[in-house]
Amino acid sequence: MPSTRGVVVDLKQLEAVTNHLLAALRAEVGDEVEVTEFDYFWSVPHDARNEVLEDPPELTIGQVSFSLDDLQEREPDRISYELVWLSEVLPALAKAWDRATLDG
């Protein structure tokens, strides 16, 4: 029987998966990953990402390096922004994984 709760994220499970993925990446490439070639990316404004019934907004250009810089400043009232910035870094890590495992 399908759940009536909707989409639910189990944070403990997500943390375990994240730790597993980062450990696998670290084992493959070490403690640091060069992502300069993946620094720029197309960005959809955060508030519009889930408005799929509306016309899509104009894309902007984001930078992984900016997101990483922003993540260095920890402030409790910025958790929402920090989650978005983290989500902007992860695709660059995926590209770095592909480079290391497919091209390497």
PDB file of N, CA and C in Angstrom:
ATOM      1  N   MET A   1       0.837  -1.181   0.000  1.00  0.00           N
ATOM      2  CA  MET A   1       0.000   0.000   0.000  1.00  0.00           C
ATOM      3  C   MET A   1       0.890   1.254   0.000  1.00  0.00           C
ATOM      4  N   PRO A   2       0.637   2.183  -0.909  1.00  0.00           N
ATOM      5  CA  PRO A   2       1.451   3.393  -0.975  1.00  0.00           C
ATOM      6  C   PRO A   2       1.286   4.244   0.278  1.00  0.00           C
ATOM      7  N   SER A   3       2.339   4.959   0.613  1.00  0.00           N
ATOM      8  CA  SER A   3       2.323   5.848   1.763  1.00  0.00           C
ATOM      9  C   SER A   3       1.464   7.065   1.460  1.00  0.00           C
ATOM     10  N   THR A   4       0.745   7.543   2.464  1.00  0.00           N
ATOM     11  CA  THR A   4      -0.050   8.761   2.310  1.00  0.00           C
ATOM     12  C   THR A   4       0.725   9.983   2.816  1.00  0.00           C
ATOM     13  N   ARG A   5       1.969   9.781   3.217  1.00  0.00           N
ATOM     14  CA  ARG A   5       2.778  10.862   3.772  1.00  0.00           C
ATOM     15  C   ARG A   5       3.395  11.741   2.701  1.00  0.00           C
ATOM     16  N   GLY A   6       3.396  11.314   1.474  1.00  0.00           N
ATOM     17  CA  GLY A   6       4.071  12.089   0.448  1.00  0.00           C
ATOM     18  C   GLY A   6       5.544  11.720   0.395  1.00  0.00           C
ATOM     19  N   VAL A   7       6.348  12.588  -0.160  1.00  0.00           N
ATOM     20  CA  VAL A   7       7.780  12.334  -0.271  1.00  0.00           C
ATOM     21  C   VAL A   7       8.440  12.741   1.040  1.00  0.00           C
ATOM     22  N   VAL A   8       9.107  11.784   1.659  1.00  0.00           N
ATOM     23  CA  VAL A   8       9.756  12.017   2.944  1.00  0.00           C
ATOM     24  C   VAL A   8      11.234  11.675   2.810  1.00  0.00           C
ATOM     25  N   VAL A   9      12.091  12.546   3.286  1.00  0.00           N
ATOM     26  CA  VAL A   9      13.528  12.308   3.258  1.00  0.00           C
ATOM     27  C   VAL A   9      13.965  11.825   4.635  1.00  0.00           C
ATOM     28  N   ASP A  10      14.519  10.627   4.683  1.00  0.00           N
ATOM     29  CA  ASP A  10      15.080  10.082   5.909  1.00  0.00           C
ATOM     30  C   ASP A  10      16.491  10.655   6.037  1.00  0.00           C
ATOM     31  N   LEU A  11      16.677  11.581   6.947  1.00  0.00           N
ATOM     32  CA  LEU A  11      17.953  12.292   7.042  1.00  0.00           C
ATOM     33  C   LEU A  11      19.092  11.370   7.475  1.00  0.00           C
ATOM     34  N   LYS A  12      18.819  10.392   8.320  1.00  0.00           N
ATOM     35  CA  LYS A  12      19.866   9.446   8.703  1.00  0.00           C
ATOM     36  C   LYS A  12      20.317   8.624   7.496  1.00  0.00           C
ATOM     37  N   GLN A  13      19.363   8.202   6.688  1.00  0.00           N
ATOM     38  CA  GLN A  13      19.700   7.437   5.492  1.00  0.00           C
ATOM     39  C   GLN A  13      20.459   8.321   4.494  1.00  0.00           C
ATOM     40  N   LEU A  14      20.018   9.551   4.312  1.00  0.00           N
ATOM     41  CA  LEU A  14      20.698  10.474   3.411  1.00  0.00           C
ATOM     42  C   LEU A  14      22.118  10.747   3.892  1.00  0.00           C
ATOM     43  N   GLU A  15      22.298  10.900   5.189  1.00  0.00           N
ATOM     44  CA  GLU A  15      23.634  11.104   5.741  1.00  0.00           C
ATOM     45  C   GLU A  15      24.528   9.893   5.477  1.00  0.00           C
ATOM     46  N   ALA A  16      23.984   8.695   5.661  1.00  0.00           N
ATOM     47  CA  ALA A  16      24.760   7.471   5.416  1.00  0.00           C
ATOM     48  C   ALA A  16      25.163   7.368   3.943  1.00  0.00           C
ATOM     49  N   VAL A  17      24.238   7.666   3.043  1.00  0.00           N
ATOM     50  CA  VAL A  17      24.541   7.620   1.612  1.00  0.00           C
ATOM     51  C   VAL A  17      25.594   8.675   1.263  1.00  0.00           C
ATOM     52  N   THR A  18      25.445   9.872   1.794  1.00  0.00           N
ATOM     53  CA  THR A  18      26.401  10.944   1.542  1.00  0.00           C
ATOM     54  C   THR A  18      27.789  10.561   2.029  1.00  0.00           C
ATOM     55  N   ASN A  19      27.867  10.013   3.238  1.00  0.00           N
ATOM     56  CA  ASN A  19      29.157   9.581   3.775  1.00  0.00           C
ATOM     57  C   ASN A  19      29.776   8.493   2.905  1.00  0.00           C
ATOM     58  N   HIS A  20      28.963   7.553   2.436  1.00  0.00           N
ATOM     59  CA  HIS A  20      29.451   6.479   1.563  1.00  0.00           C
ATOM     60  C   HIS A  20      30.008   7.061   0.258  1.00  0.00           C
ATOM     61  N   LEU A  21      29.274   7.986  -0.336  1.00  0.00           N
ATOM     62  CA  LEU A  21      29.704   8.570  -1.606  1.00  0.00           C
ATOM     63  C   LEU A  21      30.985   9.385  -1.450  1.00  0.00           C
ATOM     64  N   LEU A  22      31.062  10.173  -0.396  1.00  0.00           N
ATOM     65  CA  LEU A  22      32.276  10.956  -0.172  1.00  0.00           C
ATOM     66  C   LEU A  22      33.474  10.061   0.127  1.00  0.00           C
ATOM     67  N   ALA A  23      33.257   8.971   0.861  1.00  0.00           N
ATOM     68  CA  ALA A  23      34.340   8.021   1.137  1.00  0.00           C
ATOM     69  C   ALA A  23      34.817   7.367  -0.151  1.00  0.00           C
ATOM     70  N   ALA A  24      33.896   7.005  -1.029  1.00  0.00           N
ATOM     71  CA  ALA A  24      34.272   6.397  -2.311  1.00  0.00           C
ATOM     72  C   ALA A  24      35.052   7.387  -3.164  1.00  0.00           C
ATOM     73  N   LEU A  25      34.601   8.624  -3.198  1.00  0.00           N
ATOM     74  CA  LEU A  25      35.310   9.652  -3.969  1.00  0.00           C
ATOM     75  C   LEU A  25      36.702   9.882  -3.388  1.00  0.00           C
ATOM     76  N   ARG A  26      36.788   9.973  -2.075  1.00  0.00           N
ATOM     77  CA  ARG A  26      38.081  10.186  -1.420  1.00  0.00           C
ATOM     78  C   ARG A  26      39.031   9.027  -1.713  1.00  0.00           C
ATOM     79  N   ALA A  27      38.522   7.808  -1.706  1.00  0.00           N
ATOM     80  CA  ALA A  27      39.360   6.645  -1.996  1.00  0.00           C
ATOM     81  C   ALA A  27      39.888   6.689  -3.431  1.00  0.00           C
ATOM     82  N   GLU A  28      39.109   7.256  -4.320  1.00  0.00           N
ATOM     83  CA  GLU A  28      39.495   7.306  -5.740  1.00  0.00           C
ATOM     84  C   GLU A  28      40.446   8.458  -6.050  1.00  0.00           C
ATOM     85  N   VAL A  29      40.195   9.633  -5.445  1.00  0.00           N
ATOM     86  CA  VAL A  29      40.957  10.826  -5.846  1.00  0.00           C
ATOM     87  C   VAL A  29      41.742  11.484  -4.718  1.00  0.00           C
ATOM     88  N   GLY A  30      41.574  11.053  -3.501  1.00  0.00           N
ATOM     89  CA  GLY A  30      42.272  11.670  -2.376  1.00  0.00           C
ATOM     90  C   GLY A  30      41.390  12.678  -1.655  1.00  0.00           C
ATOM     91  N   ASP A  31      42.012  13.464  -0.803  1.00  0.00           N
ATOM     92  CA  ASP A  31      41.260  14.391   0.051  1.00  0.00           C
ATOM     93  C   ASP A  31      40.832  15.683  -0.635  1.00  0.00           C
ATOM     94  N   GLU A  32      41.386  15.951  -1.815  1.00  0.00           N
ATOM     95  CA  GLU A  32      41.010  17.154  -2.558  1.00  0.00           C
ATOM     96  C   GLU A  32      40.717  16.786  -4.003  1.00  0.00           C
ATOM     97  N   VAL A  33      39.771  17.504  -4.591  1.00  0.00           N
ATOM     98  CA  VAL A  33      39.354  17.234  -5.966  1.00  0.00           C
ATOM     99  C   VAL A  33      39.458  18.521  -6.769  1.00  0.00           C
ATOM    100  N   GLU A  34      40.141  18.470  -7.884  1.00  0.00           N
ATOM    101  CA  GLU A  34      40.243  19.620  -8.777  1.00  0.00           C
ATOM    102  C   GLU A  34      38.978  19.689  -9.628  1.00  0.00           C
ATOM    103  N   VAL A  35      38.247  20.794  -9.524  1.00  0.00           N
ATOM    104  CA  VAL A  35      36.993  20.934 -10.283  1.00  0.00           C
ATOM    105  C   VAL A  35      36.956  22.219 -11.102  1.00  0.00           C
ATOM    106  N   THR A  36      38.121  22.800 -11.374  1.00  0.00           N
ATOM    107  CA  THR A  36      38.180  24.069 -12.105  1.00  0.00           C
ATOM    108  C   THR A  36      37.428  23.994 -13.426  1.00  0.00           C
ATOM    109  N   GLU A  37      37.578  22.892 -14.148  1.00  0.00           N
ATOM    110  CA  GLU A  37      36.916  22.784 -15.449  1.00  0.00           C
ATOM    111  C   GLU A  37      35.392  22.680 -15.334  1.00  0.00           C
ATOM    112  N   PHE A  38      34.888  22.444 -14.124  1.00  0.00           N
ATOM    113  CA  PHE A  38      33.442  22.342 -13.900  1.00  0.00           C
ATOM    114  C   PHE A  38      32.930  23.510 -13.059  1.00  0.00           C
ATOM    115  N   ASP A  39      33.714  24.586 -12.957  1.00  0.00           N
ATOM    116  CA  ASP A  39      33.382  25.690 -12.049  1.00  0.00           C
ATOM    117  C   ASP A  39      32.074  26.384 -12.415  1.00  0.00           C
ATOM    118  N   TYR A  40      31.837  26.630 -13.686  1.00  0.00           N
ATOM    119  CA  TYR A  40      30.624  27.346 -14.107  1.00  0.00           C
ATOM    120  C   TYR A  40      29.515  26.364 -14.430  1.00  0.00           C
ATOM    121  N   PHE A  41      28.291  26.743 -14.086  1.00  0.00           N
ATOM    122  CA  PHE A  41      27.141  25.884 -14.357  1.00  0.00           C
ATOM    123  C   PHE A  41      25.895  26.744 -14.561  1.00  0.00           C
ATOM    124  N   TRP A  42      24.909  26.156 -15.261  1.00  0.00           N
ATOM    125  CA  TRP A  42      23.612  26.822 -15.406  1.00  0.00           C
ATOM    126  C   TRP A  42      22.866  26.689 -14.097  1.00  0.00           C
ATOM    127  N   SER A  43      22.251  27.767 -13.690  1.00  0.00           N
ATOM    128  CA  SER A  43      21.548  27.790 -12.413  1.00  0.00           C
ATOM    129  C   SER A  43      20.110  28.266 -12.610  1.00  0.00           C
ATOM    130  N   VAL A  44      19.188  27.554 -11.983  1.00  0.00           N
ATOM    131  CA  VAL A  44      17.790  27.969 -11.924  1.00  0.00           C
ATOM    132  C   VAL A  44      17.599  28.625 -10.560  1.00  0.00           C
ATOM    133  N   PRO A  45      17.020  29.806 -10.504  1.00  0.00           N
ATOM    134  CA  PRO A  45      16.820  30.447  -9.204  1.00  0.00           C
ATOM    135  C   PRO A  45      16.116  29.507  -8.213  1.00  0.00           C
ATOM    136  N   HIS A  46      16.624  29.488  -6.993  1.00  0.00           N
ATOM    137  CA  HIS A  46      16.153  28.557  -5.960  1.00  0.00           C
ATOM    138  C   HIS A  46      14.633  28.571  -5.794  1.00  0.00           C
ATOM    139  N   ASP A  47      14.047  29.743  -5.730  1.00  0.00           N
ATOM    140  CA  ASP A  47      12.610  29.842  -5.483  1.00  0.00           C
ATOM    141  C   ASP A  47      11.765  29.328  -6.645  1.00  0.00           C
ATOM    142  N   ALA A  48      12.369  29.189  -7.822  1.00  0.00           N
ATOM    143  CA  ALA A  48      11.612  28.772  -9.006  1.00  0.00           C
ATOM    144  C   ALA A  48      11.828  27.298  -9.370  1.00  0.00           C
ATOM    145  N   ARG A  49      12.705  26.608  -8.692  1.00  0.00           N
ATOM    146  CA  ARG A  49      13.059  25.234  -9.080  1.00  0.00           C
ATOM    147  C   ARG A  49      11.892  24.266  -9.080  1.00  0.00           C
ATOM    148  N   ASN A  50      10.960  24.462  -8.213  1.00  0.00           N
ATOM    149  CA  ASN A  50       9.850  23.520  -8.100  1.00  0.00           C
ATOM    150  C   ASN A  50       8.552  24.041  -8.709  1.00  0.00           C
ATOM    151  N   GLU A  51       8.603  25.151  -9.382  1.00  0.00           N
ATOM    152  CA  GLU A  51       7.432  25.721 -10.037  1.00  0.00           C
ATOM    153  C   GLU A  51       7.323  25.177 -11.455  1.00  0.00           C
ATOM    154  N   VAL A  52       7.135  23.866 -11.581  1.00  0.00           N
ATOM    155  CA  VAL A  52       7.186  23.222 -12.895  1.00  0.00           C
ATOM    156  C   VAL A  52       5.940  23.486 -13.744  1.00  0.00           C
ATOM    157  N   LEU A  53       4.899  24.026 -13.158  1.00  0.00           N
ATOM    158  CA  LEU A  53       3.700  24.353 -13.929  1.00  0.00           C
ATOM    159  C   LEU A  53       3.766  25.765 -14.512  1.00  0.00           C
ATOM    160  N   GLU A  54       4.785  26.511 -14.134  1.00  0.00           N
ATOM    161  CA  GLU A  54       4.996  27.865 -14.643  1.00  0.00           C
ATOM    162  C   GLU A  54       6.037  27.821 -15.762  1.00  0.00           C
ATOM    163  N   ASP A  55       6.064  28.873 -16.574  1.00  0.00           N
ATOM    164  CA  ASP A  55       7.126  28.979 -17.570  1.00  0.00           C
ATOM    165  C   ASP A  55       8.458  29.023 -16.835  1.00  0.00           C
ATOM    166  N   PRO A  56       9.457  28.359 -17.378  1.00  0.00           N
ATOM    167  CA  PRO A  56      10.745  28.357 -16.680  1.00  0.00           C
ATOM    168  C   PRO A  56      11.349  29.760 -16.648  1.00  0.00           C
ATOM    169  N   PRO A  57      12.026  30.059 -15.542  1.00  0.00           N
ATOM    170  CA  PRO A  57      12.672  31.376 -15.447  1.00  0.00           C
ATOM    171  C   PRO A  57      13.926  31.410 -16.310  1.00  0.00           C
ATOM    172  N   GLU A  58      14.442  32.589 -16.465  1.00  0.00           N
ATOM    173  CA  GLU A  58      15.701  32.731 -17.186  1.00  0.00           C
ATOM    174  C   GLU A  58      16.818  32.090 -16.355  1.00  0.00           C
ATOM    175  N   LEU A  59      17.650  31.320 -17.028  1.00  0.00           N
ATOM    176  CA  LEU A  59      18.770  30.701 -16.338  1.00  0.00           C
ATOM    177  C   LEU A  59      19.822  31.749 -16.003  1.00  0.00           C
ATOM    178  N   THR A  60      20.522  31.504 -14.924  1.00  0.00           N
ATOM    179  CA  THR A  60      21.656  32.340 -14.572  1.00  0.00           C
ATOM    180  C   THR A  60      22.897  31.448 -14.572  1.00  0.00           C
ATOM    181  N   ILE A  61      24.042  32.042 -14.418  1.00  0.00           N
ATOM    182  CA  ILE A  61      25.287  31.288 -14.356  1.00  0.00           C
ATOM    183  C   ILE A  61      25.767  31.282 -12.917  1.00  0.00           C
ATOM    184  N   GLY A  62      26.043  30.083 -12.413  1.00  0.00           N
ATOM    185  CA  GLY A  62      26.594  29.945 -11.074  1.00  0.00           C
ATOM    186  C   GLY A  62      28.038  29.495 -11.152  1.00  0.00           C
ATOM    187  N   GLN A  63      28.707  29.546 -10.006  1.00  0.00           N
ATOM    188  CA  GLN A  63      30.094  29.101  -9.927  1.00  0.00           C
ATOM    189  C   GLN A  63      30.290  28.239  -8.690  1.00  0.00           C
ATOM    190  N   VAL A  64      30.860  27.059  -8.905  1.00  0.00           N
ATOM    191  CA  VAL A  64      31.169  26.167  -7.797  1.00  0.00           C
ATOM    192  C   VAL A  64      32.096  26.870  -6.808  1.00  0.00           C
ATOM    193  N   SER A  65      33.081  27.606  -7.323  1.00  0.00           N
ATOM    194  CA  SER A  65      34.028  28.291  -6.434  1.00  0.00           C
ATOM    195  C   SER A  65      33.312  29.289  -5.517  1.00  0.00           C
ATOM    196  N   PHE A  66      32.302  29.981  -6.022  1.00  0.00           N
ATOM    197  CA  PHE A  66      31.538  30.903  -5.178  1.00  0.00           C
ATOM    198  C   PHE A  66      30.749  30.134  -4.131  1.00  0.00           C
ATOM    199  N   SER A  67      30.138  29.023  -4.539  1.00  0.00           N
ATOM    200  CA  SER A  67      29.361  28.211  -3.601  1.00  0.00           C
ATOM    201  C   SER A  67      30.256  27.673  -2.496  1.00  0.00           C
ATOM    202  N   LEU A  68      31.461  27.225  -2.866  1.00  0.00           N
ATOM    203  CA  LEU A  68      32.407  26.740  -1.853  1.00  0.00           C
ATOM    204  C   LEU A  68      32.812  27.851  -0.893  1.00  0.00           C
ATOM    205  N   ASP A  69      33.066  29.040  -1.417  1.00  0.00           N
ATOM    206  CA  ASP A  69      33.407  30.178  -0.553  1.00  0.00           C
ATOM    207  C   ASP A  69      32.268  30.474   0.410  1.00  0.00           C
ATOM    208  N   ASP A  70      31.044  30.480  -0.114  1.00  0.00           N
ATOM    209  CA  ASP A  70      29.889  30.762   0.733  1.00  0.00           C
ATOM    210  C   ASP A  70      29.722  29.711   1.827  1.00  0.00           C
ATOM    211  N   LEU A  71      30.051  28.463   1.518  1.00  0.00           N
ATOM    212  CA  LEU A  71      29.919  27.388   2.506  1.00  0.00           C
ATOM    213  C   LEU A  71      30.929  27.501   3.644  1.00  0.00           C
ATOM    214  N   GLN A  72      31.997  28.250   3.447  1.00  0.00           N
ATOM    215  CA  GLN A  72      33.011  28.402   4.491  1.00  0.00           C
ATOM    216  C   GLN A  72      32.527  29.261   5.652  1.00  0.00           C
ATOM    217  N   GLU A  73      31.560  30.117   5.392  1.00  0.00           N
ATOM    218  CA  GLU A  73      31.033  31.009   6.428  1.00  0.00           C
ATOM    219  C   GLU A  73      29.806  30.363   7.054  1.00  0.00           C
ATOM    220  N   ARG A  74      29.956  29.840   8.250  1.00  0.00           N
ATOM    221  CA  ARG A  74      28.853  29.133   8.913  1.00  0.00           C
ATOM    222  C   ARG A  74      28.040  30.106   9.763  1.00  0.00           C
ATOM    223  N   GLU A  75      26.782  30.230   9.430  1.00  0.00           N
ATOM    224  CA  GLU A  75      25.883  31.061  10.214  1.00  0.00           C
ATOM    225  C   GLU A  75      24.568  30.306  10.355  1.00  0.00           C
ATOM    226  N   PRO A  76      24.018  30.218  11.553  1.00  0.00           N
ATOM    227  CA  PRO A  76      22.833  29.396  11.779  1.00  0.00           C
ATOM    228  C   PRO A  76      21.604  29.801  10.968  1.00  0.00           C
ATOM    229  N   ASP A  77      21.486  31.066  10.629  1.00  0.00           N
ATOM    230  CA  ASP A  77      20.294  31.516   9.908  1.00  0.00           C
ATOM    231  C   ASP A  77      20.426  31.358   8.394  1.00  0.00           C
ATOM    232  N   ARG A  78      21.482  30.673   7.932  1.00  0.00           N
ATOM    233  CA  ARG A  78      21.692  30.489   6.497  1.00  0.00           C
ATOM    234  C   ARG A  78      21.611  29.030   6.064  1.00  0.00           C
ATOM    235  N   ILE A  79      21.058  28.169   6.877  1.00  0.00           N
ATOM    236  CA  ILE A  79      21.030  26.743   6.565  1.00  0.00           C
ATOM    237  C   ILE A  79      20.368  26.491   5.210  1.00  0.00           C
ATOM    238  N   SER A  80      19.279  27.160   4.923  1.00  0.00           N
ATOM    239  CA  SER A  80      18.591  26.978   3.645  1.00  0.00           C
ATOM    240  C   SER A  80      19.519  27.296   2.478  1.00  0.00           C
ATOM    241  N   TYR A  81      20.213  28.424   2.566  1.00  0.00           N
ATOM    242  CA  TYR A  81      21.158  28.808   1.510  1.00  0.00           C
ATOM    243  C   TYR A  81      22.307  27.810   1.417  1.00  0.00           C
ATOM    244  N   GLU A  82      22.812  27.374   2.572  1.00  0.00           N
ATOM    245  CA  GLU A  82      23.939  26.444   2.575  1.00  0.00           C
ATOM    246  C   GLU A  82      23.572  25.115   1.916  1.00  0.00           C
ATOM    247  N   LEU A  83      22.357  24.661   2.107  1.00  0.00           N
ATOM    248  CA  LEU A  83      21.915  23.439   1.436  1.00  0.00           C
ATOM    249  C   LEU A  83      21.881  23.628  -0.073  1.00  0.00           C
ATOM    250  N   VAL A  84      21.447  24.798  -0.521  1.00  0.00           N
ATOM    251  CA  VAL A  84      21.451  25.094  -1.962  1.00  0.00           C
ATOM    252  C   VAL A  84      22.881  25.148  -2.475  1.00  0.00           C
ATOM    253  N   TRP A  85      23.770  25.822  -1.762  1.00  0.00           N
ATOM    254  CA  TRP A  85      25.170  25.916  -2.206  1.00  0.00           C
ATOM    255  C   TRP A  85      25.809  24.535  -2.271  1.00  0.00           C
ATOM    256  N   LEU A  86      25.526  23.698  -1.278  1.00  0.00           N
ATOM    257  CA  LEU A  86      26.043  22.325  -1.311  1.00  0.00           C
ATOM    258  C   LEU A  86      25.525  21.591  -2.541  1.00  0.00           C
ATOM    259  N   SER A  87      24.246  21.796  -2.854  1.00  0.00           N
ATOM    260  CA  SER A  87      23.667  21.115  -4.021  1.00  0.00           C
ATOM    261  C   SER A  87      24.307  21.581  -5.325  1.00  0.00           C
ATOM    262  N   GLU A  88      24.917  22.763  -5.314  1.00  0.00           N
ATOM    263  CA  GLU A  88      25.601  23.269  -6.508  1.00  0.00           C
ATOM    264  C   GLU A  88      27.010  22.683  -6.651  1.00  0.00           C
ATOM    265  N   VAL A  89      27.580  22.227  -5.563  1.00  0.00           N
ATOM    266  CA  VAL A  89      28.920  21.633  -5.583  1.00  0.00           C
ATOM    267  C   VAL A  89      28.865  20.170  -6.019  1.00  0.00           C
ATOM    268  N   LEU A  90      27.828  19.464  -5.633  1.00  0.00           N
ATOM    269  CA  LEU A  90      27.752  18.017  -5.873  1.00  0.00           C
ATOM    270  C   LEU A  90      27.862  17.625  -7.348  1.00  0.00           C
ATOM    271  N   PRO A  91      27.237  18.330  -8.289  1.00  0.00           N
ATOM    272  CA  PRO A  91      27.420  17.943  -9.700  1.00  0.00           C
ATOM    273  C   PRO A  91      28.883  18.035 -10.162  1.00  0.00           C
ATOM    274  N   ALA A  92      29.640  18.988  -9.639  1.00  0.00           N
ATOM    275  CA  ALA A  92      31.057  19.080  -9.993  1.00  0.00           C
ATOM    276  C   ALA A  92      31.813  17.868  -9.463  1.00  0.00           C
ATOM    277  N   LEU A  93      31.431  17.390  -8.279  1.00  0.00           N
ATOM    278  CA  LEU A  93      32.054  16.180  -7.742  1.00  0.00           C
ATOM    279  C   LEU A  93      31.701  14.966  -8.594  1.00  0.00           C
ATOM    280  N   ALA A  94      30.476  14.922  -9.089  1.00  0.00           N
ATOM    281  CA  ALA A  94      30.078  13.822  -9.977  1.00  0.00           C
ATOM    282  C   ALA A  94      30.905  13.846 -11.256  1.00  0.00           C
ATOM    283  N   LYS A  95      31.119  15.026 -11.806  1.00  0.00           N
ATOM    284  CA  LYS A  95      31.951  15.157 -13.005  1.00  0.00           C
ATOM    285  C   LYS A  95      33.391  14.740 -12.707  1.00  0.00           C
ATOM    286  N   ALA A  96      33.899  15.124 -11.536  1.00  0.00           N
ATOM    287  CA  ALA A  96      35.257  14.741 -11.150  1.00  0.00           C
ATOM    288  C   ALA A  96      35.361  13.227 -10.997  1.00  0.00           C
ATOM    289  N   TRP A  97      34.326  12.599 -10.448  1.00  0.00           N
ATOM    290  CA  TRP A  97      34.291  11.135 -10.341  1.00  0.00           C
ATOM    291  C   TRP A  97      34.354  10.507 -11.735  1.00  0.00           C
ATOM    292  N   ASP A  98      33.536  11.023 -12.648  1.00  0.00           N
ATOM    293  CA  ASP A  98      33.532  10.492 -14.020  1.00  0.00           C
ATOM    294  C   ASP A  98      34.909  10.626 -14.649  1.00  0.00           C
ATOM    295  N   ARG A  99      35.517  11.789 -14.476  1.00  0.00           N
ATOM    296  CA  ARG A  99      36.845  12.027 -15.033  1.00  0.00           C
ATOM    297  C   ARG A  99      37.853  11.018 -14.471  1.00  0.00           C
ATOM    298  N   ALA A 100      37.792  10.781 -13.169  1.00  0.00           N
ATOM    299  CA  ALA A 100      38.758   9.891 -12.518  1.00  0.00           C
ATOM    300  C   ALA A 100      38.524   8.422 -12.869  1.00  0.00           C
ATOM    301  N   THR A 101      37.278   8.039 -13.007  1.00  0.00           N
ATOM    302  CA  THR A 101      36.987   6.615 -13.195  1.00  0.00           C
ATOM    303  C   THR A 101      36.767   6.216 -14.644  1.00  0.00           C
ATOM    304  N   LEU A 102      36.282   7.127 -15.456  1.00  0.00           N
ATOM    305  CA  LEU A 102      36.021   6.785 -16.863  1.00  0.00           C
ATOM    306  C   LEU A 102      37.177   7.173 -17.765  1.00  0.00           C
ATOM    307  N   ASP A 103      37.769   8.317 -17.475  1.00  0.00           N
ATOM    308  CA  ASP A 103      38.850   8.809 -18.321  1.00  0.00           C
ATOM    309  C   ASP A 103      40.223   8.356 -17.826  1.00  0.00           C
ATOM    310  N   GLY A 104      40.285   8.068 -16.511  1.00  0.00           N
ATOM    311  CA  GLY A 104      41.563   7.800 -15.876  1.00  0.00           C
ATOM    312  C   GLY A 104      42.065   6.439 -16.131  1.00  0.00           C
TER     313      GLY A 104
END
